[in-house]
């Protein structure tokens, strides 16, 4: 896999087929999935950007604010575990589908 997801250093441990089920059981519950969905929703991502713009003058003397949009995208891509592992494993996608079915 290439792009943002391939660069993340914990990807091999999270996506290794022999470990993914255990990792999913340990921290990727339906509640965790829902929390990630809210944390990285479009309105909240926009709010994070506005917050950053607002606090930048308080934490730096520079008027040039760094663009953290790529960092936000990179972090968001990791939290979308249903697609993060690509073809390595479908454990997270199956978990997401199960959670979505329970919510329906």
N, C-alpha and C. Protein backbone atom coordinates (compact mmCIF):
# COMPACT_ATOMS: atom_id res chain seq x y z
N UNK A 1 0.84 -1.18 0.00
CA UNK A 1 0.00 0.00 0.00
C UNK A 1 0.88 1.24 0.00
N UNK A 2 0.37 2.32 -0.56
CA UNK A 2 1.17 3.53 -0.63
C UNK A 2 0.41 4.69 -0.04
N UNK A 3 1.05 5.85 -0.01
CA UNK A 3 0.39 7.05 0.48
C UNK A 3 0.51 7.19 1.98
N UNK A 4 -0.40 7.99 2.52
CA UNK A 4 -0.38 8.31 3.93
C UNK A 4 -0.39 7.06 4.80
N UNK A 5 -1.26 6.11 4.50
CA UNK A 5 -1.40 4.93 5.35
C UNK A 5 -0.12 4.10 5.44
N UNK A 6 0.59 3.98 4.35
CA UNK A 6 1.79 3.15 4.33
C UNK A 6 2.92 3.74 5.18
N UNK A 7 2.86 5.04 5.43
CA UNK A 7 3.94 5.70 6.16
C UNK A 7 3.81 5.55 7.68
N UNK A 8 2.68 5.15 8.17
CA UNK A 8 2.45 5.14 9.60
C UNK A 8 3.21 3.98 10.23
N UNK A 9 4.09 4.25 11.23
CA UNK A 9 5.00 3.22 11.74
C UNK A 9 4.33 2.04 12.44
N UNK A 10 3.14 2.21 13.00
CA UNK A 10 2.49 1.09 13.68
C UNK A 10 1.63 0.23 12.74
N UNK A 11 1.60 0.62 11.48
CA UNK A 11 0.77 -0.10 10.51
C UNK A 11 1.05 -1.61 10.50
N UNK A 12 2.30 -2.04 10.47
CA UNK A 12 2.53 -3.49 10.43
C UNK A 12 1.93 -4.24 11.62
N UNK A 13 2.04 -3.69 12.81
CA UNK A 13 1.47 -4.36 13.98
C UNK A 13 -0.03 -4.36 14.01
N UNK A 14 -0.64 -3.28 13.57
CA UNK A 14 -2.09 -3.16 13.57
C UNK A 14 -2.71 -4.00 12.46
N UNK A 15 -2.02 -4.08 11.33
CA UNK A 15 -2.58 -4.73 10.15
C UNK A 15 -2.11 -6.16 9.93
N UNK A 16 -1.15 -6.64 10.69
CA UNK A 16 -0.68 -8.02 10.56
C UNK A 16 -1.86 -8.96 10.78
N UNK A 17 -2.21 -9.79 9.80
CA UNK A 17 -3.39 -10.64 9.92
C UNK A 17 -3.41 -11.50 11.19
N UNK A 18 -2.25 -11.95 11.66
CA UNK A 18 -2.25 -12.79 12.85
C UNK A 18 -2.49 -12.00 14.13
N UNK A 19 -2.39 -10.68 14.07
CA UNK A 19 -2.57 -9.83 15.26
C UNK A 19 -3.80 -8.94 15.20
N UNK A 20 -4.31 -8.67 14.02
CA UNK A 20 -5.37 -7.68 13.85
C UNK A 20 -6.61 -7.98 14.68
N UNK A 21 -7.00 -9.24 14.76
CA UNK A 21 -8.18 -9.60 15.55
C UNK A 21 -8.00 -9.26 17.02
N UNK A 22 -6.83 -9.56 17.55
CA UNK A 22 -6.54 -9.26 18.96
C UNK A 22 -6.50 -7.75 19.19
N UNK A 23 -5.89 -7.02 18.26
CA UNK A 23 -5.84 -5.55 18.38
C UNK A 23 -7.25 -4.98 18.32
N UNK A 24 -8.05 -5.47 17.39
CA UNK A 24 -9.44 -4.99 17.27
C UNK A 24 -10.22 -5.28 18.55
N UNK A 25 -10.06 -6.47 19.11
CA UNK A 25 -10.75 -6.82 20.35
C UNK A 25 -10.32 -5.92 21.50
N UNK A 26 -9.04 -5.54 21.49
CA UNK A 26 -8.49 -4.76 22.60
C UNK A 26 -8.93 -3.31 22.58
N UNK A 27 -9.07 -2.71 21.38
CA UNK A 27 -9.37 -1.28 21.41
C UNK A 27 -10.33 -0.78 20.34
N UNK A 28 -10.83 -1.62 19.47
CA UNK A 28 -11.70 -1.11 18.41
C UNK A 28 -13.12 -1.62 18.58
N UNK A 29 -13.74 -1.18 19.64
CA UNK A 29 -15.14 -1.53 19.90
C UNK A 29 -16.05 -0.64 19.06
N UNK A 30 -17.34 -0.94 19.07
CA UNK A 30 -18.30 -0.09 18.37
C UNK A 30 -18.30 1.32 18.97
N UNK A 31 -18.13 1.41 20.28
CA UNK A 31 -18.07 2.74 20.92
C UNK A 31 -16.84 3.52 20.46
N UNK A 32 -15.71 2.84 20.34
CA UNK A 32 -14.49 3.50 19.86
C UNK A 32 -14.67 3.96 18.42
N UNK A 33 -15.28 3.11 17.59
CA UNK A 33 -15.54 3.48 16.19
C UNK A 33 -16.42 4.71 16.13
N UNK A 34 -17.48 4.74 16.92
CA UNK A 34 -18.38 5.90 16.94
C UNK A 34 -17.65 7.16 17.38
N UNK A 35 -16.80 7.03 18.39
CA UNK A 35 -16.03 8.19 18.86
C UNK A 35 -15.10 8.70 17.76
N UNK A 36 -14.43 7.80 17.05
CA UNK A 36 -13.55 8.21 15.95
C UNK A 36 -14.36 8.90 14.85
N UNK A 37 -15.55 8.37 14.55
CA UNK A 37 -16.39 8.97 13.52
C UNK A 37 -16.75 10.41 13.88
N UNK A 38 -17.07 10.64 15.15
CA UNK A 38 -17.42 11.99 15.59
C UNK A 38 -16.18 12.89 15.59
N UNK A 39 -15.08 12.38 16.15
CA UNK A 39 -13.85 13.18 16.24
C UNK A 39 -13.37 13.66 14.88
N UNK A 40 -13.59 12.87 13.84
CA UNK A 40 -13.08 13.21 12.52
C UNK A 40 -14.19 13.55 11.53
N UNK A 41 -15.33 13.96 12.06
CA UNK A 41 -16.41 14.41 11.19
C UNK A 41 -16.02 15.74 10.56
N UNK A 42 -16.62 16.04 9.44
CA UNK A 42 -16.29 17.27 8.72
C UNK A 42 -16.48 18.52 9.60
N UNK A 43 -17.60 18.65 10.34
CA UNK A 43 -17.76 19.84 11.19
C UNK A 43 -16.66 19.98 12.26
N UNK A 44 -16.27 18.86 12.87
CA UNK A 44 -15.22 18.95 13.88
C UNK A 44 -13.85 19.23 13.27
N UNK A 45 -13.58 18.66 12.11
CA UNK A 45 -12.30 18.94 11.45
C UNK A 45 -12.21 20.43 11.12
N UNK A 46 -13.33 21.00 10.67
CA UNK A 46 -13.36 22.44 10.38
C UNK A 46 -13.16 23.24 11.67
N UNK A 47 -13.78 22.78 12.75
CA UNK A 47 -13.65 23.46 14.04
C UNK A 47 -12.21 23.39 14.55
N UNK A 48 -11.53 22.25 14.35
CA UNK A 48 -10.13 22.14 14.77
C UNK A 48 -9.28 23.20 14.04
N UNK A 49 -9.54 23.38 12.75
CA UNK A 49 -8.81 24.37 11.98
C UNK A 49 -9.04 25.78 12.50
N UNK A 50 -10.30 26.08 12.81
CA UNK A 50 -10.62 27.42 13.35
C UNK A 50 -9.99 27.61 14.72
N UNK A 51 -10.00 26.57 15.52
CA UNK A 51 -9.38 26.65 16.84
C UNK A 51 -7.88 26.94 16.70
N UNK A 52 -7.24 26.22 15.80
CA UNK A 52 -5.81 26.41 15.56
C UNK A 52 -5.52 27.84 15.11
N UNK A 53 -6.36 28.36 14.21
CA UNK A 53 -6.20 29.74 13.75
C UNK A 53 -6.34 30.72 14.91
N UNK A 54 -7.26 30.44 15.82
CA UNK A 54 -7.51 31.33 16.95
C UNK A 54 -6.39 31.33 17.98
N UNK A 55 -5.83 30.15 18.25
CA UNK A 55 -4.81 30.10 19.31
C UNK A 55 -3.41 30.39 18.81
N UNK A 56 -3.18 30.32 17.49
CA UNK A 56 -1.84 30.52 16.96
C UNK A 56 -1.22 31.84 17.43
N UNK A 57 -1.94 32.97 17.38
CA UNK A 57 -1.32 34.23 17.84
C UNK A 57 -0.96 34.21 19.33
N UNK A 58 -1.59 33.34 20.09
CA UNK A 58 -1.29 33.26 21.52
C UNK A 58 -0.05 32.44 21.82
N UNK A 59 0.32 31.56 20.90
CA UNK A 59 1.44 30.66 21.17
C UNK A 59 2.67 30.95 20.33
N UNK A 60 2.55 31.89 19.38
CA UNK A 60 3.69 32.20 18.52
C UNK A 60 3.74 33.68 18.19
N UNK A 61 4.94 34.18 18.07
CA UNK A 61 5.12 35.57 17.66
C UNK A 61 5.03 35.70 16.15
N UNK A 62 5.16 34.62 15.45
CA UNK A 62 5.08 34.64 13.99
C UNK A 62 3.63 34.83 13.55
N UNK A 63 3.45 35.63 12.54
CA UNK A 63 2.10 35.82 12.01
C UNK A 63 1.75 34.73 11.00
N UNK A 64 2.75 33.97 10.61
CA UNK A 64 2.53 32.91 9.62
C UNK A 64 2.21 31.61 10.34
N UNK A 65 0.97 31.21 10.24
CA UNK A 65 0.50 30.00 10.90
C UNK A 65 0.80 28.78 10.02
N UNK A 66 1.41 27.75 10.60
CA UNK A 66 1.66 26.53 9.82
C UNK A 66 0.34 25.88 9.39
N UNK A 67 0.38 25.21 8.26
CA UNK A 67 -0.79 24.50 7.77
C UNK A 67 -0.73 23.06 8.28
N UNK A 68 -1.63 22.75 9.18
CA UNK A 68 -1.65 21.41 9.76
C UNK A 68 -2.69 20.51 9.09
N UNK A 69 -3.25 20.93 7.98
CA UNK A 69 -4.30 20.14 7.35
C UNK A 69 -3.80 18.74 6.94
N UNK A 70 -2.55 18.65 6.46
CA UNK A 70 -2.02 17.33 6.09
C UNK A 70 -1.83 16.45 7.32
N UNK A 71 -1.41 17.05 8.42
CA UNK A 71 -1.26 16.28 9.66
C UNK A 71 -2.62 15.76 10.12
N UNK A 72 -3.65 16.59 10.04
CA UNK A 72 -5.00 16.15 10.41
C UNK A 72 -5.45 15.01 9.50
N UNK A 73 -5.18 15.14 8.19
CA UNK A 73 -5.57 14.10 7.24
C UNK A 73 -4.84 12.79 7.53
N UNK A 74 -3.56 12.90 7.86
CA UNK A 74 -2.78 11.70 8.14
C UNK A 74 -3.33 10.99 9.37
N UNK A 75 -3.59 11.74 10.43
CA UNK A 75 -4.13 11.15 11.65
C UNK A 75 -5.50 10.56 11.40
N UNK A 76 -6.33 11.27 10.64
CA UNK A 76 -7.67 10.78 10.32
C UNK A 76 -7.59 9.47 9.53
N UNK A 77 -6.64 9.37 8.60
CA UNK A 77 -6.54 8.17 7.78
C UNK A 77 -6.21 6.94 8.64
N UNK A 78 -5.42 7.14 9.68
CA UNK A 78 -5.11 6.04 10.58
C UNK A 78 -6.35 5.60 11.34
N UNK A 79 -7.17 6.56 11.75
CA UNK A 79 -8.34 6.23 12.55
C UNK A 79 -9.46 5.59 11.73
N UNK A 80 -9.33 5.57 10.42
CA UNK A 80 -10.30 4.87 9.58
C UNK A 80 -9.76 3.47 9.32
N UNK A 81 -9.82 2.64 10.36
CA UNK A 81 -9.20 1.33 10.29
C UNK A 81 -9.86 0.40 9.28
N UNK A 82 -11.10 0.68 8.91
CA UNK A 82 -11.77 -0.15 7.91
C UNK A 82 -11.06 -0.13 6.57
N UNK A 83 -10.37 0.96 6.26
CA UNK A 83 -9.63 1.05 5.00
C UNK A 83 -8.12 1.13 5.23
N UNK A 84 -7.70 1.42 6.43
CA UNK A 84 -6.29 1.64 6.75
C UNK A 84 -5.40 0.47 6.36
N UNK A 85 -5.84 -0.73 6.61
CA UNK A 85 -5.00 -1.90 6.37
C UNK A 85 -5.03 -2.40 4.93
N UNK A 86 -5.87 -1.81 4.11
CA UNK A 86 -5.94 -2.23 2.72
C UNK A 86 -6.27 -3.71 2.61
N UNK A 87 -5.48 -4.43 1.83
CA UNK A 87 -5.73 -5.86 1.60
C UNK A 87 -5.12 -6.76 2.66
N UNK A 88 -4.41 -6.18 3.64
CA UNK A 88 -3.75 -6.99 4.66
C UNK A 88 -4.73 -7.79 5.51
N UNK A 89 -5.82 -7.13 5.90
CA UNK A 89 -6.83 -7.79 6.72
C UNK A 89 -8.15 -7.06 6.60
N UNK A 90 -9.24 -7.78 6.78
CA UNK A 90 -10.55 -7.14 6.76
C UNK A 90 -11.19 -7.13 8.14
N UNK A 91 -10.42 -7.44 9.17
CA UNK A 91 -10.94 -7.52 10.54
C UNK A 91 -11.66 -6.24 10.94
N UNK A 92 -11.04 -5.10 10.65
CA UNK A 92 -11.62 -3.82 11.07
C UNK A 92 -12.86 -3.47 10.25
N UNK A 93 -12.82 -3.79 8.96
CA UNK A 93 -13.98 -3.53 8.09
C UNK A 93 -15.16 -4.40 8.54
N UNK A 94 -14.91 -5.64 8.86
CA UNK A 94 -15.96 -6.54 9.35
C UNK A 94 -16.53 -6.00 10.66
N UNK A 95 -15.65 -5.52 11.55
CA UNK A 95 -16.08 -4.94 12.82
C UNK A 95 -16.96 -3.71 12.56
N UNK A 96 -16.52 -2.84 11.65
CA UNK A 96 -17.30 -1.64 11.33
C UNK A 96 -18.67 -2.00 10.76
N UNK A 97 -18.70 -2.98 9.86
CA UNK A 97 -19.97 -3.40 9.29
C UNK A 97 -20.91 -3.95 10.36
N UNK A 98 -20.35 -4.71 11.29
CA UNK A 98 -21.15 -5.27 12.39
C UNK A 98 -21.70 -4.14 13.26
N UNK A 99 -20.88 -3.16 13.57
CA UNK A 99 -21.31 -2.03 14.39
C UNK A 99 -22.40 -1.23 13.68
N UNK A 100 -22.21 -1.01 12.38
CA UNK A 100 -23.21 -0.27 11.62
C UNK A 100 -24.53 -1.01 11.60
N UNK A 101 -24.48 -2.34 11.47
CA UNK A 101 -25.70 -3.14 11.47
C UNK A 101 -26.42 -3.06 12.83
N UNK A 102 -25.66 -3.03 13.91
CA UNK A 102 -26.25 -2.92 15.23
C UNK A 102 -26.95 -1.57 15.43
N UNK A 103 -26.40 -0.52 14.79
CA UNK A 103 -26.98 0.82 14.92
C UNK A 103 -28.23 1.00 14.08
N UNK A 104 -28.37 0.17 13.03
CA UNK A 104 -29.51 0.32 12.10
C UNK A 104 -30.82 -0.10 12.72
